Amino acid sequence: MTTQQIATRFNELAQAGMFDEILHELFSSDAKSIEPANAPFPSVQGLDNIIAKGKQFHDMIEEMHGSYTNPAIVAGSFFACTMGMDVSLKGMGRHKFDEVAVYEVKDGKIISEQFFF
């Protein structure tokens, strides 16, 4: 798949709330996930670690009030999109998150994701 095809498929799955499918279908097994310095979760490498990090975050969610993912902008082997969510976290109250996510594609798979918020 080309970067554009992956970005399009990513958006299709994100719009349907199918984030597990994004990981299993589009990510390389040795992909890395890079978080900003102020993030509550560390950067990790490997699909199993990315899945575990996502599960840890979702386990913190008490109630989902809404979310969005905007269509990607593609440039070479990268694509970027804005995303966000409005959630109530267990013991922490309601929070709104907005971020820019940048993905790198190589050999038809996402090899890295990096978040800016």
C-alpha atoms as a PDB file:
ATOM      1  CA  MET A   1       0.000   0.000   0.000  1.00  0.00           C
ATOM      2  CA  THR A   2       1.131   3.549  -0.678  1.00  0.00           C
ATOM      3  CA  THR A   3       1.275   6.202   2.023  1.00  0.00           C
ATOM      4  CA  GLN A   4      -1.913   7.743   0.600  1.00  0.00           C
ATOM      5  CA  GLN A   5      -3.715   4.386   0.653  1.00  0.00           C
ATOM      6  CA  ILE A   6      -2.648   3.767   4.253  1.00  0.00           C
ATOM      7  CA  ALA A   7      -3.730   7.286   5.266  1.00  0.00           C
ATOM      8  CA  THR A   8      -7.118   6.779   3.598  1.00  0.00           C
ATOM      9  CA  ARG A   9      -7.614   3.380   5.240  1.00  0.00           C
ATOM     10  CA  PHE A  10      -6.481   4.810   8.598  1.00  0.00           C
ATOM     11  CA  ASN A  11      -9.168   7.493   8.342  1.00  0.00           C
ATOM     12  CA  GLU A  12     -11.858   4.988   7.316  1.00  0.00           C
ATOM     13  CA  LEU A  13     -11.103   2.810  10.340  1.00  0.00           C
ATOM     14  CA  ALA A  14     -10.746   5.791  12.698  1.00  0.00           C
ATOM     15  CA  GLN A  15     -14.140   7.170  11.633  1.00  0.00           C
ATOM     16  CA  ALA A  16     -15.656   3.795  12.527  1.00  0.00           C
ATOM     17  CA  GLY A  17     -13.852   3.770  15.897  1.00  0.00           C
ATOM     18  CA  MET A  18     -11.860   0.689  14.860  1.00  0.00           C
ATOM     19  CA  PHE A  19      -8.531   1.597  16.452  1.00  0.00           C
ATOM     20  CA  ASP A  20      -7.527  -2.013  17.198  1.00  0.00           C
ATOM     21  CA  GLU A  21      -7.958  -2.798  13.507  1.00  0.00           C
ATOM     22  CA  ILE A  22      -5.713   0.153  12.618  1.00  0.00           C
ATOM     23  CA  LEU A  23      -2.943  -1.355  14.723  1.00  0.00           C
ATOM     24  CA  HIS A  24      -3.319  -4.928  13.455  1.00  0.00           C
ATOM     25  CA  GLU A  25      -3.875  -4.050   9.806  1.00  0.00           C
ATOM     26  CA  LEU A  26      -1.642  -1.034   9.190  1.00  0.00           C
ATOM     27  CA  PHE A  27       1.238  -1.137  11.701  1.00  0.00           C
ATOM     28  CA  SER A  28       4.567  -2.917  11.353  1.00  0.00           C
ATOM     29  CA  SER A  29       5.331  -5.411  14.120  1.00  0.00           C
ATOM     30  CA  ASP A  30       8.374  -3.352  15.146  1.00  0.00           C
ATOM     31  CA  ALA A  31       6.726   0.090  14.906  1.00  0.00           C
ATOM     32  CA  LYS A  32       7.536   2.744  17.474  1.00  0.00           C
ATOM     33  CA  SER A  33       5.196   5.105  19.287  1.00  0.00           C
ATOM     34  CA  ILE A  34       6.740   8.411  20.348  1.00  0.00           C
ATOM     35  CA  GLU A  35       5.098  10.498  23.064  1.00  0.00           C
ATOM     36  CA  PRO A  36       5.955  14.086  24.042  1.00  0.00           C
ATOM     37  CA  ALA A  37       8.099  14.640  27.137  1.00  0.00           C
ATOM     38  CA  ASN A  38       5.048  15.709  29.209  1.00  0.00           C
ATOM     39  CA  ALA A  39       2.961  12.640  28.299  1.00  0.00           C
ATOM     40  CA  PRO A  40       1.613  10.347  31.003  1.00  0.00           C
ATOM     41  CA  PHE A  41       2.841   7.302  29.030  1.00  0.00           C
ATOM     42  CA  PRO A  42       6.346   6.494  27.811  1.00  0.00           C
ATOM     43  CA  SER A  43       7.418   6.055  24.206  1.00  0.00           C
ATOM     44  CA  VAL A  44       7.498   2.373  23.249  1.00  0.00           C
ATOM     45  CA  GLN A  45       8.636   0.126  20.416  1.00  0.00           C
ATOM     46  CA  GLY A  46       6.958  -2.991  19.080  1.00  0.00           C
ATOM     47  CA  LEU A  47       3.323  -3.572  18.219  1.00  0.00           C
ATOM     48  CA  ASP A  48       2.649  -5.560  21.392  1.00  0.00           C
ATOM     49  CA  ASN A  49       3.927  -2.634  23.497  1.00  0.00           C
ATOM     50  CA  ILE A  50       1.874  -0.122  21.497  1.00  0.00           C
ATOM     51  CA  ILE A  51      -1.243  -2.252  22.028  1.00  0.00           C
ATOM     52  CA  ALA A  52      -0.496  -2.546  25.769  1.00  0.00           C
ATOM     53  CA  LYS A  53      -0.022   1.236  26.058  1.00  0.00           C
ATOM     54  CA  GLY A  54      -3.369   1.822  24.337  1.00  0.00           C
ATOM     55  CA  LYS A  55      -5.110  -0.664  26.611  1.00  0.00           C
ATOM     56  CA  GLN A  56      -3.613   1.041  29.661  1.00  0.00           C
ATOM     57  CA  PHE A  57      -5.004   4.389  28.496  1.00  0.00           C
ATOM     58  CA  HIS A  58      -8.440   2.966  27.643  1.00  0.00           C
ATOM     59  CA  ASP A  59      -8.619   1.294  31.057  1.00  0.00           C
ATOM     60  CA  MET A  60      -8.391   4.803  32.561  1.00  0.00           C
ATOM     61  CA  ILE A  61     -11.508   5.987  30.696  1.00  0.00           C
ATOM     62  CA  GLU A  62     -14.687   6.049  32.727  1.00  0.00           C
ATOM     63  CA  GLU A  63     -16.882   7.574  30.007  1.00  0.00           C
ATOM     64  CA  MET A  64     -16.316   8.626  26.401  1.00  0.00           C
ATOM     65  CA  HIS A  65     -18.229  11.810  25.526  1.00  0.00           C
ATOM     66  CA  GLY A  66     -16.945  12.183  21.978  1.00  0.00           C
ATOM     67  CA  SER A  67     -13.960  11.945  19.681  1.00  0.00           C
ATOM     68  CA  TYR A  68     -12.780  12.951  16.229  1.00  0.00           C
ATOM     69  CA  THR A  69     -10.091  12.188  13.688  1.00  0.00           C
ATOM     70  CA  ASN A  70      -9.675  14.530  10.734  1.00  0.00           C
ATOM     71  CA  PRO A  71      -8.568  13.327   7.280  1.00  0.00           C
ATOM     72  CA  ALA A  72      -4.825  13.021   6.863  1.00  0.00           C
ATOM     73  CA  ILE A  73      -2.421  15.262   5.008  1.00  0.00           C
ATOM     74  CA  VAL A  74       0.136  13.190   3.078  1.00  0.00           C
ATOM     75  CA  ALA A  75       3.705  14.218   2.236  1.00  0.00           C
ATOM     76  CA  GLY A  76       6.124  11.621   0.896  1.00  0.00           C
ATOM     77  CA  SER A  77       6.312   8.707   3.319  1.00  0.00           C
ATOM     78  CA  PHE A  78       4.516  10.616   6.098  1.00  0.00           C
ATOM     79  CA  PHE A  79       0.940  11.515   6.911  1.00  0.00           C
ATOM     80  CA  ALA A  80      -0.449  13.652   9.706  1.00  0.00           C
ATOM     81  CA  CYS A  81      -3.890  14.151  11.163  1.00  0.00           C
ATOM     82  CA  THR A  82      -5.485  15.959  14.049  1.00  0.00           C
ATOM     83  CA  MET A  83      -7.473  13.979  16.562  1.00  0.00           C
ATOM     84  CA  GLY A  84      -9.066  14.467  19.895  1.00  0.00           C
ATOM     85  CA  MET A  85     -11.416  13.157  22.512  1.00  0.00           C
ATOM     86  CA  ASP A  86     -13.630  14.320  25.319  1.00  0.00           C
ATOM     87  CA  VAL A  87     -13.461  11.776  28.154  1.00  0.00           C
ATOM     88  CA  SER A  88     -14.055  11.337  31.828  1.00  0.00           C
ATOM     89  CA  LEU A  89     -11.050   9.621  33.388  1.00  0.00           C
ATOM     90  CA  LYS A  90     -11.399   7.452  36.470  1.00  0.00           C
ATOM     91  CA  GLY A  91     -10.773   9.622  39.520  1.00  0.00           C
ATOM     92  CA  MET A  92      -9.620  12.569  37.387  1.00  0.00           C
ATOM     93  CA  GLY A  93     -12.807  14.060  35.986  1.00  0.00           C
ATOM     94  CA  ARG A  94     -13.596  15.198  32.479  1.00  0.00           C
ATOM     95  CA  HIS A  95     -10.810  16.175  30.066  1.00  0.00           C
ATOM     96  CA  LYS A  96     -10.612  17.249  26.438  1.00  0.00           C
ATOM     97  CA  PHE A  97      -7.558  16.183  24.457  1.00  0.00           C
ATOM     98  CA  ASP A  98      -6.468  17.534  21.073  1.00  0.00           C
ATOM     99  CA  GLU A  99      -3.329  16.359  19.292  1.00  0.00           C
ATOM    100  CA  VAL A 100      -1.491  16.173  16.016  1.00  0.00           C
ATOM    101  CA  ALA A 101      -0.348  12.680  15.095  1.00  0.00           C
ATOM    102  CA  VAL A 102       2.401  12.096  12.522  1.00  0.00           C
ATOM    103  CA  TYR A 103       2.858   8.647  10.984  1.00  0.00           C
ATOM    104  CA  GLU A 104       5.764   7.328   8.931  1.00  0.00           C
ATOM    105  CA  VAL A 105       5.192   4.587   6.346  1.00  0.00           C
ATOM    106  CA  LYS A 106       7.763   2.161   4.951  1.00  0.00           C
ATOM    107  CA  ASP A 107       7.199  -0.959   2.849  1.00  0.00           C
ATOM    108  CA  GLY A 108       3.416  -0.569   3.080  1.00  0.00           C
ATOM    109  CA  LYS A 109       3.197  -0.390   6.888  1.00  0.00           C
ATOM    110  CA  ILE A 110       3.246   2.316   9.554  1.00  0.00           C
ATOM    111  CA  ILE A 111       6.675   2.169  11.198  1.00  0.00           C
ATOM    112  CA  SER A 112       6.261   5.076  13.616  1.00  0.00           C
ATOM    113  CA  GLU A 113       3.680   7.323  15.181  1.00  0.00           C
ATOM    114  CA  GLN A 114       4.483  10.526  17.016  1.00  0.00           C
ATOM    115  CA  PHE A 115       2.054  12.633  19.011  1.00  0.00           C
ATOM    116  CA  PHE A 116       2.147  16.386  19.651  1.00  0.00           C
ATOM    117  CA  PHE A 117      -0.119  17.959  22.271  1.00  0.00           C
END
